[in-house]
Amino acid sequence: ARRLGSDARQRDYLDKITGAGKMLARLIDDLLDLSKIVAGHLEFERCTFSLRGLVERGNSLFQHRAAEKGLELRQRIADDVPDVLVGDPLRVEQILLNLLGNAVKFTTVGRIGVDIGVHQREAQRVCLEITVDDTGVGIADADLPLLFEPFSQGDATMSRKFGGTGLGLAICRRLAEMMDGDIQVSSQAGQGSSFRVRIWLDLGTAEDVAATPTDDALPADYGNARV
């Protein structure tokens, strides 16, 4: 309807409907996740995945939004971090995307960084330390104790200005705890924030990763197809 319409007021209405619909969908998803966690029914998958691929996908989702605001978005993964891991990549990605989304939302000038290193290593598993820091608005000391509580966003004026449900960080904390880890934050109002997540994941091997189809597996001729 938006593509077909030419009336500016109608397009504005449609944009508002779209924004409200997306916000409602996020709220419902967060509520469902939190309800499952509280009830002890949130299930974790166990599959092999590439950590670097996961981080690259996460950054690509926010690269455009960061560029629109003139922000530098960088990532660094230490050389000793294993790439092939076993766990639930969807939940790891959920934590990363939530922290990146908050960093982009609350930062107007400067940079956002993602740093991943090894905090601890055992024979069959590793504890990753994921740090997402920014040069954004920061968090007042009085608001830090409530930051990971459901529906809490600290200063009410921040909620009105930036939106959000106040559930994302609460879910991140519970997901981290379910992976035998935790999440911490250090911040100063007006000087940015740094979120540090530690999670345990099992080690995998390159042979466990599903083989990528070769060119030979693709059709040799697509006929008169157009893109």
Protein backbone atom coordinates (compact mmCIF):
# COMPACT_ATOMS: atom_id res chain seq x y z
CA ALA A 1 0.00 0.00 0.00
CA ARG A 2 2.86 2.37 0.79
CA ARG A 3 4.56 1.72 -2.53
CA LEU A 4 1.35 2.27 -4.46
CA GLY A 5 0.21 5.37 -2.62
CA SER A 6 1.37 8.83 -3.60
CA ASP A 7 -0.45 10.91 -0.98
CA ALA A 8 2.06 12.16 1.61
CA ARG A 9 -0.38 12.06 4.52
CA GLN A 10 -1.45 8.51 3.66
CA ARG A 11 2.20 7.39 3.46
CA ASP A 12 2.81 8.95 6.88
CA TYR A 13 -0.11 6.96 8.32
CA LEU A 14 1.23 3.76 6.80
CA ASP A 15 4.71 4.44 8.20
CA LYS A 16 3.24 4.90 11.68
CA ILE A 17 1.26 1.66 11.36
CA THR A 18 4.39 -0.20 10.24
CA GLY A 19 6.45 1.17 13.14
CA ALA A 20 3.76 0.33 15.67
CA GLY A 21 3.39 -3.17 14.26
CA LYS A 22 7.12 -3.87 14.50
CA MET A 23 7.24 -2.54 18.06
CA LEU A 24 4.27 -4.73 19.03
CA ALA A 25 5.92 -7.78 17.46
CA ARG A 26 9.12 -7.15 19.44
CA LEU A 27 7.12 -6.73 22.65
CA ILE A 28 5.25 -10.00 22.09
CA ASP A 29 8.48 -11.87 21.27
CA ASP A 30 10.15 -10.51 24.43
CA LEU A 31 7.16 -11.36 26.61
CA LEU A 32 7.02 -14.91 25.25
CA ASP A 33 10.75 -15.41 25.86
CA LEU A 34 10.54 -14.00 29.38
CA SER A 35 7.48 -16.13 30.18
CA LYS A 36 9.25 -19.28 28.99
CA ILE A 37 12.33 -18.43 31.04
CA VAL A 38 10.34 -17.76 34.22
CA ALA A 39 8.36 -20.99 33.72
CA GLY A 40 11.55 -22.95 33.07
CA HIS A 41 10.35 -23.99 29.62
CA LEU A 42 12.84 -22.18 27.39
CA GLU A 43 14.68 -24.87 25.44
CA PHE A 44 18.21 -24.54 24.15
CA GLU A 45 19.32 -26.21 20.95
CA ARG A 46 22.69 -27.88 20.54
CA CYS A 47 24.20 -27.43 17.14
CA THR A 48 27.55 -26.55 15.63
CA PHE A 49 28.04 -23.00 14.38
CA SER A 50 30.67 -20.50 13.33
CA LEU A 51 31.17 -17.74 15.88
CA ARG A 52 32.79 -15.38 13.40
CA GLY A 53 29.96 -15.88 10.94
CA LEU A 54 27.44 -15.12 13.69
CA VAL A 55 29.23 -11.90 14.68
CA GLU A 56 29.54 -10.83 11.05
CA ARG A 57 25.80 -11.28 10.52
CA GLY A 58 25.05 -9.29 13.66
CA ASN A 59 27.25 -6.41 12.60
CA SER A 60 25.80 -6.38 9.08
CA LEU A 61 22.31 -5.87 10.50
CA PHE A 62 23.35 -2.66 12.26
CA GLN A 63 26.03 -1.36 9.88
CA HIS A 64 23.55 0.71 7.89
CA ARG A 65 21.86 2.19 10.97
CA ALA A 66 25.23 3.08 12.46
CA ALA A 67 26.40 4.67 9.20
CA GLU A 68 23.21 6.75 9.00
CA LYS A 69 24.10 8.25 12.38
CA GLY A 70 27.76 8.71 11.45
CA LEU A 71 28.93 6.08 13.94
CA GLU A 72 31.93 3.80 13.57
CA LEU A 73 31.00 0.15 14.13
CA ARG A 74 34.00 -2.11 14.64
CA GLN A 75 34.58 -5.67 15.77
CA ARG A 76 37.58 -7.55 17.11
CA ILE A 77 37.79 -11.27 17.82
CA ALA A 78 40.98 -12.44 19.53
CA ASP A 79 43.08 -14.96 17.61
CA ASP A 80 42.76 -17.60 20.33
CA VAL A 81 38.94 -17.60 20.18
CA PRO A 82 37.80 -20.87 18.57
CA ASP A 83 35.51 -20.38 15.60
CA VAL A 84 33.65 -23.71 15.68
CA LEU A 85 31.45 -23.95 18.77
CA VAL A 86 28.52 -26.06 19.92
CA GLY A 87 25.48 -24.49 21.56
CA ASP A 88 22.41 -22.49 20.62
CA PRO A 89 23.53 -19.85 18.08
CA LEU A 90 20.07 -18.23 18.09
CA ARG A 91 20.39 -17.37 21.81
CA VAL A 92 23.99 -16.18 21.46
CA GLU A 93 22.90 -14.00 18.54
CA GLN A 94 19.91 -12.74 20.55
CA ILE A 95 22.23 -11.42 23.26
CA LEU A 96 24.60 -9.83 20.74
CA LEU A 97 21.83 -8.19 18.70
CA ASN A 98 20.16 -6.78 21.81
CA LEU A 99 23.38 -5.20 23.04
CA LEU A 100 24.26 -3.87 19.58
CA GLY A 101 20.74 -2.51 19.12
CA ASN A 102 20.91 -0.65 22.41
CA ALA A 103 24.36 0.72 21.59
CA VAL A 104 23.20 2.10 18.23
CA LYS A 105 19.98 3.48 19.74
CA PHE A 106 21.65 5.32 22.61
CA THR A 107 24.71 6.61 20.73
CA THR A 108 24.59 9.74 18.61
CA VAL A 109 28.29 10.53 18.19
CA GLY A 110 31.42 8.40 18.22
CA ARG A 111 31.79 4.65 17.95
CA ILE A 112 30.49 1.22 18.92
CA GLY A 113 32.82 -1.70 19.48
CA VAL A 114 32.39 -5.46 19.77
CA ASP A 115 35.30 -7.34 21.36
CA ILE A 116 35.34 -11.10 21.91
CA GLY A 117 38.00 -12.98 23.83
CA VAL A 118 38.50 -16.14 25.86
CA HIS A 119 37.91 -15.70 29.58
CA GLN A 120 38.47 -19.32 30.59
CA ARG A 121 39.10 -22.61 28.83
CA GLU A 122 38.51 -26.22 29.76
CA ALA A 123 39.15 -29.47 27.90
CA GLN A 124 35.80 -29.61 26.10
CA ARG A 125 34.37 -26.11 26.48
CA VAL A 126 35.28 -22.45 26.54
CA CYS A 127 34.00 -19.35 28.32
CA LEU A 128 33.70 -16.45 25.91
CA GLU A 129 33.84 -12.85 27.05
CA ILE A 130 31.80 -10.59 24.76
CA THR A 131 32.11 -6.85 25.33
CA VAL A 132 29.95 -4.26 23.58
CA ASP A 133 30.92 -0.67 24.36
CA ASP A 134 29.79 2.68 23.04
CA THR A 135 30.24 6.42 23.41
CA GLY A 136 26.54 7.03 23.96
CA VAL A 137 24.42 8.76 26.57
CA GLY A 138 25.54 6.44 29.37
CA ILE A 139 23.64 5.37 32.47
CA ALA A 140 23.37 7.18 35.79
CA ASP A 141 24.68 5.36 38.87
CA ALA A 142 21.22 5.35 40.45
CA ASP A 143 19.78 3.45 37.48
CA LEU A 144 22.43 0.71 37.24
CA PRO A 145 20.98 -1.61 39.96
CA LEU A 146 17.64 -1.86 38.12
CA LEU A 147 19.02 -2.17 34.62
CA PHE A 148 18.50 -5.93 34.28
CA GLU A 149 15.07 -6.01 35.90
CA PRO A 150 12.08 -6.66 33.59
CA PHE A 151 10.33 -3.53 32.28
CA SER A 152 12.97 -1.29 33.83
CA GLN A 153 14.68 1.32 31.66
CA GLY A 154 16.10 3.59 34.31
CA ASP A 155 15.18 7.21 33.73
CA ALA A 156 11.59 7.46 32.43
CA THR A 157 12.56 10.29 30.11
CA MET A 158 14.93 7.91 28.31
CA SER A 159 12.07 5.49 27.69
CA ARG A 160 9.90 8.23 26.21
CA LYS A 161 12.70 9.53 24.02
CA PHE A 162 14.17 6.26 22.73
CA GLY A 163 11.31 3.77 23.14
CA GLY A 164 11.75 0.08 23.94
CA THR A 165 10.11 -2.43 26.24
CA GLY A 166 12.62 -2.67 29.07
CA LEU A 167 12.76 -6.45 28.60
CA GLY A 168 15.82 -6.92 26.39
CA LEU A 169 18.53 -6.72 29.04
CA ALA A 170 16.49 -8.79 31.50
CA ILE A 171 16.26 -11.53 28.89
CA CYS A 172 19.98 -11.21 28.08
CA ARG A 173 20.88 -11.73 31.72
CA ARG A 174 18.71 -14.84 31.99
CA LEU A 175 20.05 -16.28 28.74
CA ALA A 176 23.62 -15.72 29.91
CA GLU A 177 22.86 -17.41 33.23
CA MET A 178 21.36 -20.38 31.38
CA MET A 179 24.71 -20.70 29.58
CA ASP A 180 26.52 -20.79 32.97
CA GLY A 181 27.57 -17.16 32.60
CA ASP A 182 26.62 -13.64 33.57
CA ILE A 183 26.38 -10.07 32.29
CA GLN A 184 27.80 -6.92 33.83
CA VAL A 185 27.77 -3.24 32.91
CA SER A 186 29.97 -0.25 33.64
CA SER A 187 28.81 3.20 32.62
CA GLN A 188 28.86 6.90 33.33
CA ALA A 189 26.14 9.34 32.34
CA GLY A 190 27.19 11.19 29.20
CA GLN A 191 30.31 9.07 28.65
CA GLY A 192 29.05 5.81 27.20
CA SER A 193 28.53 2.27 28.44
CA SER A 194 30.31 -1.07 28.35
CA PHE A 195 28.42 -4.37 28.63
CA ARG A 196 30.41 -7.53 29.32
CA VAL A 197 28.83 -10.96 28.81
CA ARG A 198 30.43 -14.28 29.72
CA ILE A 199 28.94 -17.52 28.41
CA TRP A 200 30.12 -21.12 28.26
CA LEU A 201 29.97 -23.04 24.98
CA ASP A 202 31.23 -26.47 24.00
CA LEU A 203 34.09 -26.83 21.55
CA GLY A 204 33.38 -28.21 18.09
CA THR A 205 35.51 -29.34 15.19
CA ALA A 206 35.63 -28.19 11.61
CA GLU A 207 34.25 -31.57 10.54
CA ASP A 208 31.08 -30.86 12.52
CA VAL A 209 30.20 -27.83 10.43
CA ALA A 210 27.75 -28.62 7.66
CA ALA A 211 29.55 -28.70 4.34
CA THR A 212 28.95 -25.69 2.13
CA PRO A 213 27.54 -26.68 -1.28
CA THR A 214 30.11 -26.40 -4.04
CA ASP A 215 29.55 -24.72 -7.38
CA ASP A 216 29.08 -28.17 -8.90
CA ALA A 217 25.87 -28.56 -6.88
CA LEU A 218 24.27 -25.53 -8.52
CA PRO A 219 22.37 -25.69 -11.81
CA ALA A 220 24.63 -25.01 -14.78
CA ASP A 221 21.95 -23.16 -16.73
CA TYR A 222 19.10 -21.00 -15.47
CA GLY A 223 17.51 -20.55 -18.90
CA ASN A 224 15.88 -17.17 -19.38
CA ALA A 225 15.83 -16.25 -15.69
CA ARG A 226 16.09 -12.56 -14.84
CA VAL A 227 17.18 -10.88 -11.60
